[in-house]
Amino acid sequence: MFEVSVEDTFAAGHALRNYKGKCENVHGHNYRVQVTFSGPELDSIGLLVDFVVVKKLMQTVVDRLDHQYLNDLAPFDVLNPSAENMAKYFYDEISGGLGQSTPVQLGQVRVWETDTSSATYRP
């Protein structure tokens, strides 16, 4: 099994609804997101997935969130903008966007809120 990972970063603010503590207040993070694709075989030129394609898929999502207040954006206007929900959001937005004939799938998405705290979503 092969794996390819790409990371990107963005800054955004949020407040956790129904949370008791500092994070219920508006605050921001410099997020780091890592997407990992996996598959059993490489294409005819020896790639699992093109890094350029993955970066474009990620950039589309990052551009929507960068320097925004997440609580005002769908789906986080209803869904709590936790790192866990953000990881699932990135997964949902990016998975299936490759359109390749190679059996590649998005294996997981990891979102860091800080250098030492992250959440991972795997289907």
Protein backbone atom coordinates (compact mmCIF):
# COMPACT_ATOMS: atom_id res chain seq x y z
CA MET A 1 0.00 0.00 0.00
CA PHE A 2 1.30 3.43 -0.95
CA GLU A 3 0.52 6.67 0.87
CA VAL A 4 0.95 10.28 -0.17
CA SER A 5 0.45 13.18 2.26
CA VAL A 6 0.19 16.90 1.64
CA GLU A 7 -0.10 19.67 4.22
CA ASP A 8 -1.38 23.22 4.11
CA THR A 9 -2.00 25.94 6.67
CA PHE A 10 -4.54 28.68 7.26
CA ALA A 11 -5.61 31.07 9.99
CA ALA A 12 -9.19 31.33 11.23
CA GLY A 13 -11.26 32.24 14.26
CA HIS A 14 -14.00 30.30 15.98
CA ALA A 15 -15.89 29.77 19.23
CA LEU A 16 -17.04 26.38 20.49
CA ARG A 17 -20.76 26.34 21.22
CA ASN A 18 -21.96 24.67 24.43
CA TYR A 19 -18.39 24.39 25.69
CA LYS A 20 -17.59 25.45 29.24
CA GLY A 21 -14.16 27.04 29.32
CA LYS A 22 -11.90 29.45 27.45
CA CYS A 23 -12.72 27.97 24.05
CA GLU A 24 -16.34 29.11 24.27
CA ASN A 25 -14.98 32.61 23.65
CA VAL A 26 -14.01 33.84 20.21
CA HIS A 27 -10.38 32.95 19.52
CA GLY A 28 -8.18 31.97 16.60
CA HIS A 29 -5.74 29.33 15.47
CA ASN A 30 -3.07 28.89 12.87
CA TYR A 31 -4.39 25.58 11.58
CA ARG A 32 -2.37 22.92 9.81
CA VAL A 33 -4.18 20.33 7.71
CA GLN A 34 -2.72 17.09 6.37
CA VAL A 35 -4.51 14.90 3.84
CA THR A 36 -3.25 11.37 3.21
CA PHE A 37 -4.21 9.40 0.13
CA SER A 38 -3.63 5.67 -0.13
CA GLY A 39 -3.78 3.07 -2.83
CA PRO A 40 -2.39 -0.33 -3.79
CA GLU A 41 -0.69 0.65 -7.04
CA LEU A 42 1.02 3.47 -8.86
CA ASP A 43 0.00 4.91 -12.21
CA SER A 44 1.94 4.40 -15.43
CA ILE A 45 4.55 7.03 -14.51
CA GLY A 46 5.07 5.82 -10.95
CA LEU A 47 2.78 8.15 -9.01
CA LEU A 48 0.03 7.31 -6.57
CA VAL A 49 -1.43 10.79 -6.99
CA ASP A 50 -0.07 14.03 -8.38
CA PHE A 51 0.97 16.41 -5.58
CA VAL A 52 -0.16 19.34 -7.75
CA VAL A 53 -3.69 17.92 -8.00
CA VAL A 54 -3.88 17.30 -4.24
CA LYS A 55 -2.61 20.81 -3.47
CA LYS A 56 -5.28 22.32 -5.74
CA LEU A 57 -8.02 20.29 -4.02
CA MET A 58 -6.78 21.40 -0.62
CA GLN A 59 -6.35 25.02 -1.67
CA THR A 60 -9.98 25.26 -2.71
CA VAL A 61 -11.09 24.35 0.81
CA VAL A 62 -8.38 26.38 2.55
CA ASP A 63 -9.28 29.49 0.54
CA ARG A 64 -12.89 29.26 1.82
CA LEU A 65 -11.75 29.15 5.46
CA ASP A 66 -8.61 31.30 5.58
CA HIS A 67 -8.95 34.44 7.70
CA GLN A 68 -12.64 33.78 8.32
CA TYR A 69 -14.78 33.41 11.43
CA LEU A 70 -15.75 29.76 11.03
CA ASN A 71 -18.98 30.03 13.02
CA ASP A 72 -20.40 32.22 10.24
CA LEU A 73 -19.64 29.74 7.42
CA ALA A 74 -21.62 26.66 6.43
CA PRO A 75 -21.56 24.02 7.77
CA PHE A 76 -20.04 25.54 10.92
CA ASP A 77 -22.89 27.99 11.29
CA VAL A 78 -24.77 24.91 12.59
CA LEU A 79 -22.02 22.35 13.22
CA ASN A 80 -19.58 23.14 16.03
CA PRO A 81 -16.24 24.20 14.46
CA SER A 82 -14.15 21.72 16.45
CA ALA A 83 -10.96 20.24 15.02
CA GLU A 84 -12.78 16.91 14.74
CA ASN A 85 -15.60 18.40 12.66
CA MET A 86 -13.13 20.34 10.56
CA ALA A 87 -11.20 17.15 9.76
CA LYS A 88 -14.44 15.50 8.58
CA TYR A 89 -15.32 18.63 6.59
CA PHE A 90 -11.99 18.55 4.76
CA TYR A 91 -12.44 14.84 4.12
CA ASP A 92 -15.93 15.33 2.66
CA GLU A 93 -14.85 18.27 0.49
CA ILE A 94 -11.70 16.64 -0.87
CA SER A 95 -12.63 12.97 -1.22
CA GLY A 96 -13.74 11.98 -4.65
CA GLY A 97 -12.21 15.06 -6.22
CA LEU A 98 -9.35 13.24 -7.87
CA GLY A 99 -11.26 11.72 -10.77
CA GLN A 100 -8.47 9.26 -11.54
CA SER A 101 -8.75 5.72 -12.82
CA THR A 102 -6.21 4.53 -10.22
CA PRO A 103 -7.88 3.10 -7.11
CA VAL A 104 -6.77 5.96 -4.87
CA GLN A 105 -8.75 7.02 -1.85
CA LEU A 106 -8.46 9.67 0.79
CA GLY A 107 -7.37 7.66 3.81
CA GLN A 108 -7.41 10.32 6.49
CA VAL A 109 -7.38 14.02 7.28
CA ARG A 110 -5.59 15.46 10.29
CA VAL A 111 -6.18 19.00 11.57
CA TRP A 112 -3.87 20.69 14.07
CA GLU A 113 -5.16 23.62 16.12
CA THR A 114 -1.79 24.03 17.79
CA ASP A 115 1.64 22.46 17.39
CA THR A 116 0.69 19.83 19.98
CA SER A 117 -3.06 19.28 19.51
CA SER A 118 -4.71 17.62 16.52
CA ALA A 119 -7.75 15.62 15.47
CA THR A 120 -7.89 12.95 12.77
CA TYR A 121 -10.80 11.71 10.67
CA ARG A 122 -10.73 8.33 8.89
CA PRO A 123 -13.80 6.89 7.20
